[in-house]
């Protein structure tokens, strides 16, 4: 199972991160967490890696609906969006919300996952333009 959706941009990392934040906001997502993997691996392990950022994106309305179906679903929230350098391009990847349905096998989550996927795809399409 492919568990993500992605786009590749010929744009610098910093510019891409700003575009991702704006596109997510247009789709009702806020960024709750930000993990700078590159800085963490450097400070904790002394390892050099490419720029790699994990954004924990949350759409409050969709999260509320999902929690109403299954209170344990919080373990699969928020929707992680990765922005990472890859050679001369920047890759943006988002976890496919359909994973939220397959793990707990709760059919009531399907319409919520469908809506989250539609919104995330729309956000990624926006940054491709």
C-alpha atoms as a PDB file:
ATOM      1  CA  UNK A   1       0.000   0.000   0.000  1.00  0.00           C
ATOM      2  CA  UNK A   2       1.321   3.423  -0.915  1.00  0.00           C
ATOM      3  CA  UNK A   3       0.754   5.486   2.197  1.00  0.00           C
ATOM      4  CA  UNK A   4       1.441   8.969   0.892  1.00  0.00           C
ATOM      5  CA  UNK A   5       0.836  11.570  -1.777  1.00  0.00           C
ATOM      6  CA  UNK A   6       3.645  13.743  -3.076  1.00  0.00           C
ATOM      7  CA  UNK A   7       4.755  16.521  -5.390  1.00  0.00           C
ATOM      8  CA  UNK A   8       8.225  17.611  -6.461  1.00  0.00           C
ATOM      9  CA  UNK A   9       9.011  21.284  -6.961  1.00  0.00           C
ATOM     10  CA  UNK A  10      11.897  23.110  -8.535  1.00  0.00           C
ATOM     11  CA  UNK A  11      11.869  25.684  -5.745  1.00  0.00           C
ATOM     12  CA  UNK A  12      14.031  26.323  -2.688  1.00  0.00           C
ATOM     13  CA  UNK A  13      13.120  24.654   0.595  1.00  0.00           C
ATOM     14  CA  UNK A  14      12.241  27.881   2.456  1.00  0.00           C
ATOM     15  CA  UNK A  15       9.955  29.122  -0.301  1.00  0.00           C
ATOM     16  CA  UNK A  16       8.304  25.704  -0.539  1.00  0.00           C
ATOM     17  CA  UNK A  17       7.617  25.572   3.210  1.00  0.00           C
ATOM     18  CA  UNK A  18       5.839  28.932   3.037  1.00  0.00           C
ATOM     19  CA  UNK A  19       3.794  27.788   0.034  1.00  0.00           C
ATOM     20  CA  UNK A  20       2.857  24.569   1.846  1.00  0.00           C
ATOM     21  CA  UNK A  21       1.725  26.464   4.953  1.00  0.00           C
ATOM     22  CA  UNK A  22      -0.415  28.812   2.843  1.00  0.00           C
ATOM     23  CA  UNK A  23      -1.941  25.969   0.810  1.00  0.00           C
ATOM     24  CA  UNK A  24      -2.755  23.988   3.954  1.00  0.00           C
ATOM     25  CA  UNK A  25      -4.370  27.059   5.521  1.00  0.00           C
ATOM     26  CA  UNK A  26      -6.554  27.516   2.417  1.00  0.00           C
ATOM     27  CA  UNK A  27      -7.841  23.989   3.022  1.00  0.00           C
ATOM     28  CA  UNK A  28      -8.585  24.587   6.709  1.00  0.00           C
ATOM     29  CA  UNK A  29      -5.431  23.002   8.138  1.00  0.00           C
ATOM     30  CA  UNK A  30      -3.305  24.610  10.799  1.00  0.00           C
ATOM     31  CA  UNK A  31       0.234  23.502  11.560  1.00  0.00           C
ATOM     32  CA  UNK A  32       0.304  22.323  15.170  1.00  0.00           C
ATOM     33  CA  UNK A  33       3.830  20.957  15.243  1.00  0.00           C
ATOM     34  CA  UNK A  34       7.041  21.438  13.334  1.00  0.00           C
ATOM     35  CA  UNK A  35       9.972  19.054  13.600  1.00  0.00           C
ATOM     36  CA  UNK A  36      13.269  20.072  12.010  1.00  0.00           C
ATOM     37  CA  UNK A  37      14.681  16.588  11.463  1.00  0.00           C
ATOM     38  CA  UNK A  38      17.945  17.915  10.029  1.00  0.00           C
ATOM     39  CA  UNK A  39      18.645  20.032  13.141  1.00  0.00           C
ATOM     40  CA  UNK A  40      17.565  17.261  15.514  1.00  0.00           C
ATOM     41  CA  UNK A  41      19.795  14.621  13.916  1.00  0.00           C
ATOM     42  CA  UNK A  42      22.700  17.072  13.897  1.00  0.00           C
ATOM     43  CA  UNK A  43      22.327  18.059  17.555  1.00  0.00           C
ATOM     44  CA  UNK A  44      21.475  14.617  18.961  1.00  0.00           C
ATOM     45  CA  UNK A  45      23.590  12.335  16.771  1.00  0.00           C
ATOM     46  CA  UNK A  46      26.078  14.601  15.014  1.00  0.00           C
ATOM     47  CA  UNK A  47      24.685  13.375  11.687  1.00  0.00           C
ATOM     48  CA  UNK A  48      24.534  15.570   8.584  1.00  0.00           C
ATOM     49  CA  UNK A  49      21.384  15.192   6.485  1.00  0.00           C
ATOM     50  CA  UNK A  50      19.472  17.131   3.882  1.00  0.00           C
ATOM     51  CA  UNK A  51      16.929  19.744   5.011  1.00  0.00           C
ATOM     52  CA  UNK A  52      13.916  17.753   6.240  1.00  0.00           C
ATOM     53  CA  UNK A  53      10.903  19.248   7.993  1.00  0.00           C
ATOM     54  CA  UNK A  54       7.821  17.469   9.348  1.00  0.00           C
ATOM     55  CA  UNK A  55       4.698  19.625   9.707  1.00  0.00           C
ATOM     56  CA  UNK A  56       1.887  18.268  11.865  1.00  0.00           C
ATOM     57  CA  UNK A  57      -1.179  19.593  10.028  1.00  0.00           C
ATOM     58  CA  UNK A  58      -4.649  19.494  11.550  1.00  0.00           C
ATOM     59  CA  UNK A  59      -8.059  20.439  10.261  1.00  0.00           C
ATOM     60  CA  UNK A  60     -10.016  20.965  13.515  1.00  0.00           C
ATOM     61  CA  UNK A  61     -13.413  20.139  12.014  1.00  0.00           C
ATOM     62  CA  UNK A  62     -12.202  16.859  10.516  1.00  0.00           C
ATOM     63  CA  UNK A  63     -10.278  15.953  13.683  1.00  0.00           C
ATOM     64  CA  UNK A  64     -13.390  16.588  15.784  1.00  0.00           C
ATOM     65  CA  UNK A  65     -15.500  14.373  13.517  1.00  0.00           C
ATOM     66  CA  UNK A  66     -12.890  11.586  13.586  1.00  0.00           C
ATOM     67  CA  UNK A  67     -12.629  11.717  17.379  1.00  0.00           C
ATOM     68  CA  UNK A  68     -16.414  11.455  17.534  1.00  0.00           C
ATOM     69  CA  UNK A  69     -16.201   8.140  15.682  1.00  0.00           C
ATOM     70  CA  UNK A  70     -13.167   6.701  17.472  1.00  0.00           C
ATOM     71  CA  UNK A  71     -11.542   8.405  20.472  1.00  0.00           C
ATOM     72  CA  UNK A  72      -8.347   6.397  19.890  1.00  0.00           C
ATOM     73  CA  UNK A  73      -7.882   7.950  16.443  1.00  0.00           C
ATOM     74  CA  UNK A  74      -5.780  10.679  18.038  1.00  0.00           C
ATOM     75  CA  UNK A  75      -2.845   8.285  17.786  1.00  0.00           C
ATOM     76  CA  UNK A  76      -3.022   8.759  14.006  1.00  0.00           C
ATOM     77  CA  UNK A  77      -3.466  12.535  14.112  1.00  0.00           C
ATOM     78  CA  UNK A  78      -2.352  15.079  12.976  1.00  0.00           C
ATOM     79  CA  UNK A  79      -1.774  14.598   9.253  1.00  0.00           C
ATOM     80  CA  UNK A  80       1.986  14.691   8.761  1.00  0.00           C
ATOM     81  CA  UNK A  81       3.327  16.685   5.839  1.00  0.00           C
ATOM     82  CA  UNK A  82       7.018  16.363   5.022  1.00  0.00           C
ATOM     83  CA  UNK A  83       8.986  19.025   3.158  1.00  0.00           C
ATOM     84  CA  UNK A  84      12.470  17.820   2.236  1.00  0.00           C
ATOM     85  CA  UNK A  85      15.308  18.702  -0.056  1.00  0.00           C
ATOM     86  CA  UNK A  86      16.134  16.151  -2.748  1.00  0.00           C
ATOM     87  CA  UNK A  87      19.013  17.219  -4.944  1.00  0.00           C
ATOM     88  CA  UNK A  88      18.052  20.425  -6.753  1.00  0.00           C
ATOM     89  CA  UNK A  89      14.361  20.052  -5.945  1.00  0.00           C
ATOM     90  CA  UNK A  90      12.088  20.020  -2.927  1.00  0.00           C
ATOM     91  CA  UNK A  91       9.678  17.172  -2.252  1.00  0.00           C
ATOM     92  CA  UNK A  92       6.403  17.639  -0.377  1.00  0.00           C
ATOM     93  CA  UNK A  93       4.787  14.456   0.923  1.00  0.00           C
ATOM     94  CA  UNK A  94       1.624  13.985   2.955  1.00  0.00           C
ATOM     95  CA  UNK A  95       0.396  10.909   4.740  1.00  0.00           C
ATOM     96  CA  UNK A  96      -2.648   9.533   2.940  1.00  0.00           C
ATOM     97  CA  UNK A  97      -5.543   9.890   5.418  1.00  0.00           C
ATOM     98  CA  UNK A  98      -6.901   6.550   4.163  1.00  0.00           C
ATOM     99  CA  UNK A  99      -4.388   5.016   6.588  1.00  0.00           C
ATOM    100  CA  UNK A 100      -6.671   6.413   9.297  1.00  0.00           C
ATOM    101  CA  UNK A 101      -9.380   4.023   8.064  1.00  0.00           C
ATOM    102  CA  UNK A 102      -7.290   0.919   7.450  1.00  0.00           C
ATOM    103  CA  UNK A 103      -5.533   0.801  10.820  1.00  0.00           C
ATOM    104  CA  UNK A 104      -8.563   0.811  13.151  1.00  0.00           C
ATOM    105  CA  UNK A 105     -10.840  -0.743  10.492  1.00  0.00           C
ATOM    106  CA  UNK A 106     -13.595   1.676  11.475  1.00  0.00           C
ATOM    107  CA  UNK A 107     -15.918   2.306   8.484  1.00  0.00           C
ATOM    108  CA  UNK A 108     -17.321   5.464  10.072  1.00  0.00           C
ATOM    109  CA  UNK A 109     -13.958   7.118   9.473  1.00  0.00           C
ATOM    110  CA  UNK A 110     -14.142   6.635   5.680  1.00  0.00           C
ATOM    111  CA  UNK A 111     -15.982   9.861   4.767  1.00  0.00           C
ATOM    112  CA  UNK A 112     -13.675  11.856   7.038  1.00  0.00           C
ATOM    113  CA  UNK A 113     -10.572  10.315   5.479  1.00  0.00           C
ATOM    114  CA  UNK A 114     -12.014  10.961   1.998  1.00  0.00           C
ATOM    115  CA  UNK A 115     -12.540  14.647   2.837  1.00  0.00           C
ATOM    116  CA  UNK A 116      -9.078  14.978   4.395  1.00  0.00           C
ATOM    117  CA  UNK A 117      -7.498  13.373   1.327  1.00  0.00           C
ATOM    118  CA  UNK A 118      -9.413  15.686  -1.006  1.00  0.00           C
ATOM    119  CA  UNK A 119      -8.226  18.720   0.938  1.00  0.00           C
ATOM    120  CA  UNK A 120      -4.607  17.558   1.130  1.00  0.00           C
ATOM    121  CA  UNK A 121      -4.557  16.774  -2.597  1.00  0.00           C
ATOM    122  CA  UNK A 122      -5.979  20.207  -3.317  1.00  0.00           C
ATOM    123  CA  UNK A 123      -3.267  21.804  -1.164  1.00  0.00           C
ATOM    124  CA  UNK A 124      -0.523  19.906  -2.996  1.00  0.00           C
ATOM    125  CA  UNK A 125      -2.019  20.815  -6.372  1.00  0.00           C
ATOM    126  CA  UNK A 126      -2.004  24.469  -5.300  1.00  0.00           C
ATOM    127  CA  UNK A 127       1.712  24.480  -4.528  1.00  0.00           C
ATOM    128  CA  UNK A 128       2.494  22.838  -7.873  1.00  0.00           C
ATOM    129  CA  UNK A 129       1.128  25.857  -9.772  1.00  0.00           C
END
